[in-house]
Every structure is written in C-alpha cells, then in structure tokens.
C-alpha atoms as a PDB file:
ATOM      1  CA  MET A   1      14.299  19.254 -15.514  1.00  0.00           C
ATOM      2  CA  GLY A   2      13.413  22.931 -14.911  1.00  0.00           C
ATOM      3  CA  ASP A   3      12.225  25.575 -17.337  1.00  0.00           C
ATOM      4  CA  ARG A   4      15.726  27.066 -17.736  1.00  0.00           C
ATOM      5  CA  ARG A   5      17.194  23.660 -18.604  1.00  0.00           C
ATOM      6  CA  ILE A   6      14.460  22.977 -21.152  1.00  0.00           C
ATOM      7  CA  HIS A   7      14.953  26.447 -22.669  1.00  0.00           C
ATOM      8  CA  GLY A   8      18.662  25.747 -23.043  1.00  0.00           C
ATOM      9  CA  GLU A   9      18.074  22.373 -24.697  1.00  0.00           C
ATOM     10  CA  LEU A  10      15.639  23.953 -27.167  1.00  0.00           C
ATOM     11  CA  ALA A  11      18.151  26.692 -27.974  1.00  0.00           C
ATOM     12  CA  ALA A  12      20.772  24.034 -28.685  1.00  0.00           C
ATOM     13  CA  LEU A  13      18.383  22.514 -31.205  1.00  0.00           C
ATOM     14  CA  GLY A  14      17.888  25.892 -32.898  1.00  0.00           C
ATOM     15  CA  ILE A  15      14.340  26.372 -31.567  1.00  0.00           C
ATOM     16  CA  LYS A  16      13.789  29.986 -30.582  1.00  0.00           C
ATOM     17  CA  VAL A  17      11.362  30.333 -27.680  1.00  0.00           C
ATOM     18  CA  ALA A  18      11.363  32.569 -24.622  1.00  0.00           C
ATOM     19  CA  ALA A  19      12.173  31.058 -21.246  1.00  0.00           C
ATOM     20  CA  SER A  20       8.975  32.604 -19.866  1.00  0.00           C
ATOM     21  CA  THR A  21       6.984  30.678 -22.480  1.00  0.00           C
ATOM     22  CA  VAL A  22       8.491  27.400 -21.297  1.00  0.00           C
ATOM     23  CA  TRP A  23       7.639  28.359 -17.714  1.00  0.00           C
ATOM     24  CA  GLU A  24       4.019  29.148 -18.699  1.00  0.00           C
ATOM     25  CA  ILE A  25       3.625  25.795 -20.459  1.00  0.00           C
ATOM     26  CA  LEU A  26       4.936  23.893 -17.437  1.00  0.00           C
ATOM     27  CA  ARG A  27       2.689  25.863 -15.075  1.00  0.00           C
ATOM     28  CA  GLU A  28      -0.425  25.240 -17.197  1.00  0.00           C
ATOM     29  CA  HIS A  29       0.218  21.490 -17.020  1.00  0.00           C
ATOM     30  CA  GLY A  30       0.699  21.557 -13.254  1.00  0.00           C
ATOM     31  CA  ILE A  31       4.424  20.790 -13.311  1.00  0.00           C
ATOM     32  CA  PRO A  32       6.212  22.571 -10.438  1.00  0.00           C
ATOM     33  CA  PRO A  33       9.810  23.830 -10.639  1.00  0.00           C
ATOM     34  CA  ALA A  34      12.455  21.122 -10.590  1.00  0.00           C
ATOM     35  CA  PRO A  35      13.889  21.869  -7.102  1.00  0.00           C
ATOM     36  CA  GLN A  36      10.434  21.474  -5.603  1.00  0.00           C
ATOM     37  CA  ARG A  37       9.908  18.125  -7.340  1.00  0.00           C
ATOM     38  CA  ALA A  38      13.253  16.759  -6.245  1.00  0.00           C
ATOM     39  CA  SER A  39      13.176  17.889  -2.597  1.00  0.00           C
ATOM     40  CA  THR A  40      11.844  15.748   0.248  1.00  0.00           C
ATOM     41  CA  THR A  41      10.764  17.538   3.392  1.00  0.00           C
ATOM     42  CA  TRP A  42      11.322  16.148   6.868  1.00  0.00           C
ATOM     43  CA  ALA A  43       7.555  15.721   7.311  1.00  0.00           C
ATOM     44  CA  ASP A  44       7.366  13.669   4.100  1.00  0.00           C
ATOM     45  CA  PHE A  45      10.212  11.482   5.341  1.00  0.00           C
ATOM     46  CA  LEU A  46       8.494  10.867   8.682  1.00  0.00           C
ATOM     47  CA  ARG A  47       5.223   9.903   6.987  1.00  0.00           C
ATOM     48  CA  SER A  48       6.825   7.602   4.430  1.00  0.00           C
ATOM     49  CA  GLN A  49       9.017   5.830   7.012  1.00  0.00           C
ATOM     50  CA  ALA A  50       6.531   5.795   9.913  1.00  0.00           C
ATOM     51  CA  ASP A  51       6.488   2.001  10.261  1.00  0.00           C
ATOM     52  CA  ALA A  52      10.251   1.917  10.784  1.00  0.00           C
ATOM     53  CA  LEU A  53      10.619   4.914  13.115  1.00  0.00           C
ATOM     54  CA  LEU A  54      10.807   5.276  16.878  1.00  0.00           C
ATOM     55  CA  SER A  55      11.584   8.445  18.782  1.00  0.00           C
ATOM     56  CA  CYS A  56      12.428   9.067  22.419  1.00  0.00           C
ATOM     57  CA  ASP A  57      13.072  11.847  24.869  1.00  0.00           C
ATOM     58  CA  PHE A  58      13.464  12.711  28.539  1.00  0.00           C
ATOM     59  CA  PHE A  59      11.100  15.105  30.288  1.00  0.00           C
ATOM     60  CA  GLU A  60      11.014  16.264  33.867  1.00  0.00           C
ATOM     61  CA  THR A  61       8.374  16.877  36.496  1.00  0.00           C
ATOM     62  CA  ARG A  62       8.317  17.835  40.161  1.00  0.00           C
ATOM     63  CA  THR A  63       6.704  16.199  43.161  1.00  0.00           C
ATOM     64  CA  LEU A  64       4.935  17.897  46.082  1.00  0.00           C
ATOM     65  CA  THR A  65       8.190  17.844  48.031  1.00  0.00           C
ATOM     66  CA  GLY A  66       9.988  19.704  45.253  1.00  0.00           C
ATOM     67  CA  ALA A  67      11.993  16.722  44.037  1.00  0.00           C
ATOM     68  CA  ARG A  68      12.768  16.737  40.321  1.00  0.00           C
ATOM     69  CA  LEU A  69      12.160  13.457  38.505  1.00  0.00           C
ATOM     70  CA  TYR A  70      13.160  12.603  34.937  1.00  0.00           C
ATOM     71  CA  VAL A  71      10.939  10.370  32.814  1.00  0.00           C
ATOM     72  CA  PHE A  72      12.041   8.486  29.711  1.00  0.00           C
ATOM     73  CA  ALA A  73       9.444   7.741  27.017  1.00  0.00           C
ATOM     74  CA  VAL A  74       9.577   6.122  23.575  1.00  0.00           C
ATOM     75  CA  ILE A  75       6.862   6.426  20.911  1.00  0.00           C
ATOM     76  CA  GLU A  76       6.204   4.464  17.727  1.00  0.00           C
ATOM     77  CA  HIS A  77       5.456   6.791  14.813  1.00  0.00           C
ATOM     78  CA  ALA A  78       3.060   4.489  12.963  1.00  0.00           C
ATOM     79  CA  THR A  79       0.766   3.537  15.857  1.00  0.00           C
ATOM     80  CA  ARG A  80       1.608   6.303  18.355  1.00  0.00           C
ATOM     81  CA  ARG A  81       2.179   3.614  20.962  1.00  0.00           C
ATOM     82  CA  ILE A  82       3.931   4.968  24.045  1.00  0.00           C
ATOM     83  CA  ARG A  83       6.433   3.125  26.217  1.00  0.00           C
ATOM     84  CA  ILE A  84       7.256   4.832  29.499  1.00  0.00           C
ATOM     85  CA  LEU A  85      10.366   2.916  30.452  1.00  0.00           C
ATOM     86  CA  GLY A  86      11.260   4.540  33.744  1.00  0.00           C
ATOM     87  CA  ALA A  87      11.670   7.584  35.957  1.00  0.00           C
ATOM     88  CA  THR A  88      14.462   8.624  38.285  1.00  0.00           C
ATOM     89  CA  ALA A  89      15.815  11.584  40.190  1.00  0.00           C
ATOM     90  CA  HIS A  90      19.373  10.844  39.025  1.00  0.00           C
ATOM     91  CA  PRO A  91      19.535  10.000  35.296  1.00  0.00           C
ATOM     92  CA  THR A  92      23.012   8.540  35.066  1.00  0.00           C
ATOM     93  CA  ALA A  93      24.611   7.052  31.972  1.00  0.00           C
ATOM     94  CA  ASP A  94      24.298   3.510  33.354  1.00  0.00           C
ATOM     95  CA  TRP A  95      20.585   4.050  33.962  1.00  0.00           C
ATOM     96  CA  ALA A  96      20.081   5.239  30.393  1.00  0.00           C
ATOM     97  CA  VAL A  97      21.942   2.190  29.064  1.00  0.00           C
ATOM     98  CA  GLN A  98      19.655  -0.089  31.075  1.00  0.00           C
ATOM     99  CA  LEU A  99      16.645   1.684  29.571  1.00  0.00           C
ATOM    100  CA  ALA A 100      18.031   0.956  26.108  1.00  0.00           C
ATOM    101  CA  ARG A 101      18.296  -2.730  26.997  1.00  0.00           C
ATOM    102  CA  ASN A 102      14.714  -2.741  28.294  1.00  0.00           C
ATOM    103  CA  LEU A 103      13.534  -1.095  25.079  1.00  0.00           C
ATOM    104  CA  THR A 104      15.218  -3.651  22.849  1.00  0.00           C
ATOM    105  CA  MET A 105      13.667  -6.501  24.841  1.00  0.00           C
ATOM    106  CA  ASP A 106      10.201  -4.950  24.597  1.00  0.00           C
ATOM    107  CA  LEU A 107      10.544  -4.491  20.853  1.00  0.00           C
ATOM    108  CA  GLU A 108      11.731  -8.064  20.433  1.00  0.00           C
ATOM    109  CA  ASP A 109       8.762  -9.401  22.438  1.00  0.00           C
ATOM    110  CA  VAL A 110       6.228  -7.672  20.167  1.00  0.00           C
ATOM    111  CA  GLY A 111       8.104  -8.393  16.948  1.00  0.00           C
ATOM    112  CA  SER A 112       8.637  -4.733  16.097  1.00  0.00           C
ATOM    113  CA  LYS A 113      10.026  -3.901  12.653  1.00  0.00           C
ATOM    114  CA  ALA A 114      11.448  -0.530  13.697  1.00  0.00           C
ATOM    115  CA  ARG A 115      14.847   0.277  12.203  1.00  0.00           C
ATOM    116  CA  PHE A 116      15.490   3.878  13.290  1.00  0.00           C
ATOM    117  CA  LEU A 117      15.384   5.722  16.603  1.00  0.00           C
ATOM    118  CA  ILE A 118      15.282   9.523  16.677  1.00  0.00           C
ATOM    119  CA  ARG A 119      16.716  11.239  19.752  1.00  0.00           C
ATOM    120  CA  ASP A 120      17.989  14.675  20.622  1.00  0.00           C
ATOM    121  CA  ARG A 121      21.515  15.580  21.657  1.00  0.00           C
ATOM    122  CA  ASP A 122      20.983  15.335  25.403  1.00  0.00           C
ATOM    123  CA  SER A 123      24.145  14.426  27.295  1.00  0.00           C
ATOM    124  CA  LYS A 124      22.265  11.527  28.935  1.00  0.00           C
ATOM    125  CA  PHE A 125      22.347   9.744  25.567  1.00  0.00           C
ATOM    126  CA  THR A 126      25.879   8.373  25.634  1.00  0.00           C
ATOM    127  CA  ASP A 127      27.821   6.265  23.137  1.00  0.00           C
ATOM    128  CA  ALA A 128      27.010   3.190  25.241  1.00  0.00           C
ATOM    129  CA  PHE A 129      23.294   3.958  24.866  1.00  0.00           C
ATOM    130  CA  ASP A 130      23.648   4.115  21.085  1.00  0.00           C
ATOM    131  CA  ALA A 131      25.778   0.955  21.036  1.00  0.00           C
ATOM    132  CA  VAL A 132      23.061  -1.115  22.728  1.00  0.00           C
ATOM    133  CA  LEU A 133      20.498  -0.015  20.150  1.00  0.00           C
ATOM    134  CA  THR A 134      22.904  -0.517  17.256  1.00  0.00           C
ATOM    135  CA  ASP A 135      23.577  -4.090  18.364  1.00  0.00           C
ATOM    136  CA  ALA A 136      19.801  -4.670  18.306  1.00  0.00           C
ATOM    137  CA  GLY A 137      19.579  -3.490  14.697  1.00  0.00           C
ATOM    138  CA  LEU A 138      18.377   0.065  15.342  1.00  0.00           C
ATOM    139  CA  GLN A 139      20.092   3.002  13.681  1.00  0.00           C
ATOM    140  CA  VAL A 140      20.202   6.052  15.964  1.00  0.00           C
ATOM    141  CA  LEU A 141      19.442   9.420  14.345  1.00  0.00           C
ATOM    142  CA  ALA A 142      20.345  12.536  16.325  1.00  0.00           C
ATOM    143  CA  SER A 143      18.133  15.566  15.730  1.00  0.00           C
ATOM    144  CA  GLY A 144      19.559  19.006  15.023  1.00  0.00           C
ATOM    145  CA  ILE A 145      20.519  21.416  17.756  1.00  0.00           C
ATOM    146  CA  GLN A 146      17.492  23.331  19.063  1.00  0.00           C
ATOM    147  CA  ILE A 147      15.256  21.928  16.319  1.00  0.00           C
ATOM    148  CA  PRO A 148      12.355  20.223  18.172  1.00  0.00           C
ATOM    149  CA  ARG A 149      10.495  19.880  14.860  1.00  0.00           C
ATOM    150  CA  MET A 150      12.847  17.037  13.955  1.00  0.00           C
ATOM    151  CA  ASN A 151      11.421  15.128  16.921  1.00  0.00           C
ATOM    152  CA  SER A 152       7.906  16.227  16.053  1.00  0.00           C
ATOM    153  CA  ILE A 153       6.106  13.137  17.373  1.00  0.00           C
ATOM    154  CA  THR A 154       7.591  12.864  20.852  1.00  0.00           C
ATOM    155  CA  GLU A 155       7.568  16.576  21.664  1.00  0.00           C
ATOM    156  CA  PRO A 156       3.778  17.017  21.154  1.00  0.00           C
ATOM    157  CA  TRP A 157       3.101  13.890  23.214  1.00  0.00           C
ATOM    158  CA  ILE A 158       5.135  15.287  26.098  1.00  0.00           C
ATOM    159  CA  GLN A 159       3.057  18.469  25.918  1.00  0.00           C
ATOM    160  CA  THR A 160      -0.102  16.334  25.950  1.00  0.00           C
ATOM    161  CA  CYS A 161       1.137  14.443  29.002  1.00  0.00           C
ATOM    162  CA  ARG A 162       1.870  17.699  30.804  1.00  0.00           C
ATOM    163  CA  ARG A 163      -1.415  19.355  29.840  1.00  0.00           C
ATOM    164  CA  GLU A 164      -3.709  16.408  30.536  1.00  0.00           C
ATOM    165  CA  LEU A 165      -1.927  14.721  33.452  1.00  0.00           C
ATOM    166  CA  LEU A 166       1.034  16.337  35.157  1.00  0.00           C
ATOM    167  CA  ASP A 167      -0.438  19.862  35.296  1.00  0.00           C
ATOM    168  CA  ARG A 168      -3.628  18.456  36.863  1.00  0.00           C
ATOM    169  CA  THR A 169      -2.185  15.867  39.257  1.00  0.00           C
ATOM    170  CA  LEU A 170      -0.363  16.341  42.541  1.00  0.00           C
ATOM    171  CA  VAL A 171       2.449  13.798  42.380  1.00  0.00           C
ATOM    172  CA  TRP A 172       3.539  12.662  45.822  1.00  0.00           C
ATOM    173  CA  ASN A 173       6.686  10.633  45.138  1.00  0.00           C
ATOM    174  CA  HIS A 174       8.469   8.405  42.638  1.00  0.00           C
ATOM    175  CA  SER A 175       6.128   5.404  42.973  1.00  0.00           C
ATOM    176  CA  HIS A 176       3.065   7.641  42.682  1.00  0.00           C
ATOM    177  CA  LEU A 177       4.478   9.187  39.496  1.00  0.00           C
ATOM    178  CA  LEU A 178       5.011   5.771  37.921  1.00  0.00           C
ATOM    179  CA  HIS A 179       1.464   4.751  38.872  1.00  0.00           C
ATOM    180  CA  VAL A 180      -0.213   7.767  37.279  1.00  0.00           C
ATOM    181  CA  LEU A 181       1.978   7.477  34.186  1.00  0.00           C
ATOM    182  CA  ARG A 182       0.960   3.827  33.735  1.00  0.00           C
ATOM    183  CA  GLU A 183      -2.704   4.803  34.026  1.00  0.00           C
ATOM    184  CA  PHE A 184      -2.277   7.595  31.490  1.00  0.00           C
ATOM    185  CA  GLU A 185      -0.400   5.277  29.167  1.00  0.00           C
ATOM    186  CA  LEU A 186      -3.307   2.804  29.261  1.00  0.00           C
ATOM    187  CA  HIS A 187      -5.799   5.619  28.669  1.00  0.00           C
ATOM    188  CA  TYR A 188      -3.739   6.918  25.761  1.00  0.00           C
ATOM    189  CA  HIS A 189      -3.609   3.485  24.154  1.00  0.00           C
ATOM    190  CA  LEU A 190      -7.261   2.494  24.488  1.00  0.00           C
ATOM    191  CA  HIS A 191      -9.653   5.360  25.088  1.00  0.00           C
ATOM    192  CA  ARG A 192      -8.791   8.178  22.739  1.00  0.00           C
ATOM    193  CA  PRO A 193      -8.328   8.845  19.011  1.00  0.00           C
ATOM    194  CA  HIS A 194      -4.876   9.411  17.564  1.00  0.00           C
ATOM    195  CA  GLN A 195      -3.445  10.909  14.414  1.00  0.00           C
ATOM    196  CA  ALA A 196      -1.961   7.550  13.528  1.00  0.00           C
ATOM    197  CA  ILE A 197      -2.172   5.407  10.427  1.00  0.00           C
ATOM    198  CA  ASP A 198      -5.857   4.593   9.741  1.00  0.00           C
ATOM    199  CA  GLN A 199      -6.761   6.697  12.828  1.00  0.00           C
ATOM    200  CA  ALA A 200      -6.226   3.630  15.019  1.00  0.00           C
ATOM    201  CA  ALA A 201      -5.498   3.701  18.719  1.00  0.00           C
ATOM    202  CA  PRO A 202      -2.210   1.927  19.510  1.00  0.00           C
ATOM    203  CA  LEU A 203      -3.800  -1.109  21.179  1.00  0.00           C
ATOM    204  CA  ARG A 204      -7.268  -0.993  19.603  1.00  0.00           C
ATOM    205  CA  ALA A 205      -7.562  -1.268  15.848  1.00  0.00           C
ATOM    206  CA  VAL A 206     -10.263   0.509  13.887  1.00  0.00           C
ATOM    207  CA  PRO A 207     -13.142  -1.897  13.026  1.00  0.00           C
ATOM    208  CA  ALA A 208     -13.041  -3.297   9.505  1.00  0.00           C
ATOM    209  CA  PRO A 209     -15.430  -1.620   7.026  1.00  0.00           C
ATOM    210  CA  LEU A 210     -18.790  -3.355   6.616  1.00  0.00           C
ATOM    211  CA  PRO A 211     -19.446  -5.155   3.317  1.00  0.00           C
ATOM    212  CA  ARG A 212     -21.582  -3.221   0.850  1.00  0.00           C
ATOM    213  CA  ALA A 213     -24.375  -5.859   1.031  1.00  0.00           C
ATOM    214  CA  GLN A 214     -24.578  -5.505   4.816  1.00  0.00           C
ATOM    215  CA  ILE A 215     -24.717  -1.718   4.559  1.00  0.00           C
ATOM    216  CA  THR A 216     -27.607  -2.033   2.098  1.00  0.00           C
ATOM    217  CA  GLN A 217     -29.478  -4.370   4.461  1.00  0.00           C
ATOM    218  CA  LEU A 218     -29.050  -1.976   7.382  1.00  0.00           C
ATOM    219  CA  LYS A 219     -30.213   0.935   5.248  1.00  0.00           C
ATOM    220  CA  CYS A 220     -33.342  -0.959   4.108  1.00  0.00           C
ATOM    221  CA  ALA A 221     -34.073  -2.000   7.693  1.00  0.00           C
ATOM    222  CA  GLY A 222     -33.841   1.621   8.818  1.00  0.00           C
ATOM    223  CA  GLU A 223     -36.197   2.805   6.092  1.00  0.00           C
ATOM    224  CA  THR A 224     -38.698   0.058   6.986  1.00  0.00           C
ATOM    225  CA  ALA A 225     -38.582   1.009  10.644  1.00  0.00           C
ATOM    226  CA  SER A 226     -39.135   4.681   9.855  1.00  0.00           C
ATOM    227  CA  ALA A 227     -42.163   3.797   7.713  1.00  0.00           C
ATOM    228  CA  GLU A 228     -43.912   1.829  10.476  1.00  0.00           C
ATOM    229  CA  PRO A 229     -46.875   3.581  12.139  1.00  0.00           C
ATOM    230  CA  ASP A 230     -46.007   5.496  15.291  1.00  0.00           C
ATOM    231  CA  THR A 231     -48.059   4.502  18.302  1.00  0.00           C
ATOM    232  CA  ASN A 232     -47.298   7.709  20.175  1.00  0.00           C
ATOM    233  CA  THR A 233     -50.675   9.095  21.301  1.00  0.00           C
ATOM    234  CA  ASN A 234     -49.225  12.575  21.719  1.00  0.00           C
ATOM    235  CA  MET A 235     -48.741  12.946  17.960  1.00  0.00           C
ATOM    236  CA  LEU A 236     -51.445  14.590  15.890  1.00  0.00           C
ATOM    237  CA  PRO A 237     -53.756  11.964  14.286  1.00  0.00           C
ATOM    238  CA  GLU A 238     -53.072  13.213  10.768  1.00  0.00           C
ATOM    239  CA  LEU A 239     -49.281  12.737  11.244  1.00  0.00           C
ATOM    240  CA  ARG A 240     -49.373   9.174  12.595  1.00  0.00           C
ATOM    241  CA  GLY A 241     -47.655   6.710  10.303  1.00  0.00           C
ATOM    242  CA  TRP A 242     -45.526   9.422   8.688  1.00  0.00           C
ATOM    243  CA  SER A 243     -41.792   9.393   8.706  1.00  0.00           C
ATOM    244  CA  PHE A 244     -39.934  12.226  10.381  1.00  0.00           C
ATOM    245  CA  ARG A 245     -38.978  13.794   7.046  1.00  0.00           C
ATOM    246  CA  GLN A 246     -42.583  13.625   5.795  1.00  0.00           C
ATOM    247  CA  ALA A 247     -43.804  15.336   8.932  1.00  0.00           C
ATOM    248  CA  GLN A 248     -41.075  17.947   8.622  1.00  0.00           C
ATOM    249  CA  CYS A 249     -42.040  18.729   5.007  1.00  0.00           C
ATOM    250  CA  HIS A 250     -45.703  18.903   5.990  1.00  0.00           C
ATOM    251  CA  ALA A 251     -44.901  21.383   8.771  1.00  0.00           C
ATOM    252  CA  GLY A 252     -42.829  23.469   6.354  1.00  0.00           C
ATOM    253  CA  ALA A 253     -45.674  23.556   3.830  1.00  0.00           C
ATOM    254  CA  ILE A 254     -48.093  24.759   6.513  1.00  0.00           C
ATOM    255  CA  ALA A 255     -45.667  27.430   7.690  1.00  0.00           C
ATOM    256  CA  GLY A 256     -45.174  28.615   4.106  1.00  0.00           C
END
C-alpha cells in the first residue's frame, strides 16, 4: 500500500493528515513506494530462478580461408557450465533440431533440474526445435527483440570466448575450431573463477569451510612458528628470536 492509499484510508476514517506526512513516515522507516516493492526486475528473476534456467545462442567466427562457421552453445545459469554442442557452415533447421536432441540427452545424463531455456528470436530456432525441448520438459522463453540484456548470461560468455580465444587464435578449419573450443571449454570449467553460485567453477566445487576448531589449531601453530628463534645469521643479534611484527615495531621506534 502506497502513501496515497494510506492517506485516503485515513481520510475515510476522519483522520486529517497531509499526504506528505504519510510519505515522510514511510521514508523514515525505510519503506519504499508500493510500485517499487511489488515490481520484480529481470535480474532478480534470473538470480532467483538460476537453478532452473538454461540459455543458448549461436555465434559466428571465420577461418583462415574466410569460411564462416556458426557455433551453438548452451550455458547453465547456476553453475555457468558451458556446453558447446556443435559448429557448422550451414545451420539448417534439421541441424538445430538435432542439437536440441543432443542437449536433452546431455541434461538427462547429468540429472539436470533445468525447466526453462532462454533463446533469442533467431530464425534458426524453429518450432521443431522448441517442440523437442518441450517434450523433454523444458519451457522455451524467447527474449525480446534487440534486447540482449534478457539473455545476459550467454551474451557475456560469447564476448569472453571471442576476447580470450577466437580473437587470439588462427582457426584453420572446422575440426580445428571444434578442437580449440573443447580446450577452452575445459579451461573455462576447471581453471578460472566464475560469478556463479558460491563462486564455484562449473566442474570444481569450492572447498568446504574449515571447522572453527581446525582454524584455531592452525592459528596457534602459526603463532608458535613465528615465535621460534630464527637461525638466520644475517639478522642482527639483538633481533634474533623476535617475530616479524616485533622487529617491525622495534625498527619503527628507532626511526621515530
């Protein structure tokens, strides 16, 4: 309920108060206007439904001979796991349908719980493509026209792939492109951080936090080690056996 609605209800009860006063009271208690409380942004939707969302897109690249190849990639929103399902110079409707079948089989093998797939309005995504995914239990969501923000997970990954791989690699032919994409996919899954849930790489989970008792033991062991006498003969005799912080404070006192 907004400040105007509250002001009207108070007036109906015979309570005379200015609408600006109601607005001030709500603002002092940190209550935003009603439309802001009721609205859900697209970013909020993506974050809240990350475990159930997939998104896909085609992107193109060129070989040394000038041939144009189209690559199809799918990404999981929760883990940022990438699936590069294929590349071709002639992306026909039948080829796209076969990619959809391959995707559903991959998701079934890993026991994925995804329920939605976001795609753009490319003509290569036909009704047959959507039908294959629908039969597998995935609801297809088409993004708005010329609104890449609605596919805001796949689009940045494509830019990353271009910037870190395709713009720095001379691709010879179709088989060479698939080879370098597989290598980059493995690198992306294992050897780099991601803005995913719990900051986990897709195929390498973040280590579990250490128990508090173990952290205390490691801390005590570190303090004991720092207190042991240093056998370094290059250190001044009066500083041997001091910790680094003690020596630092001693040097600061001398300088002062």
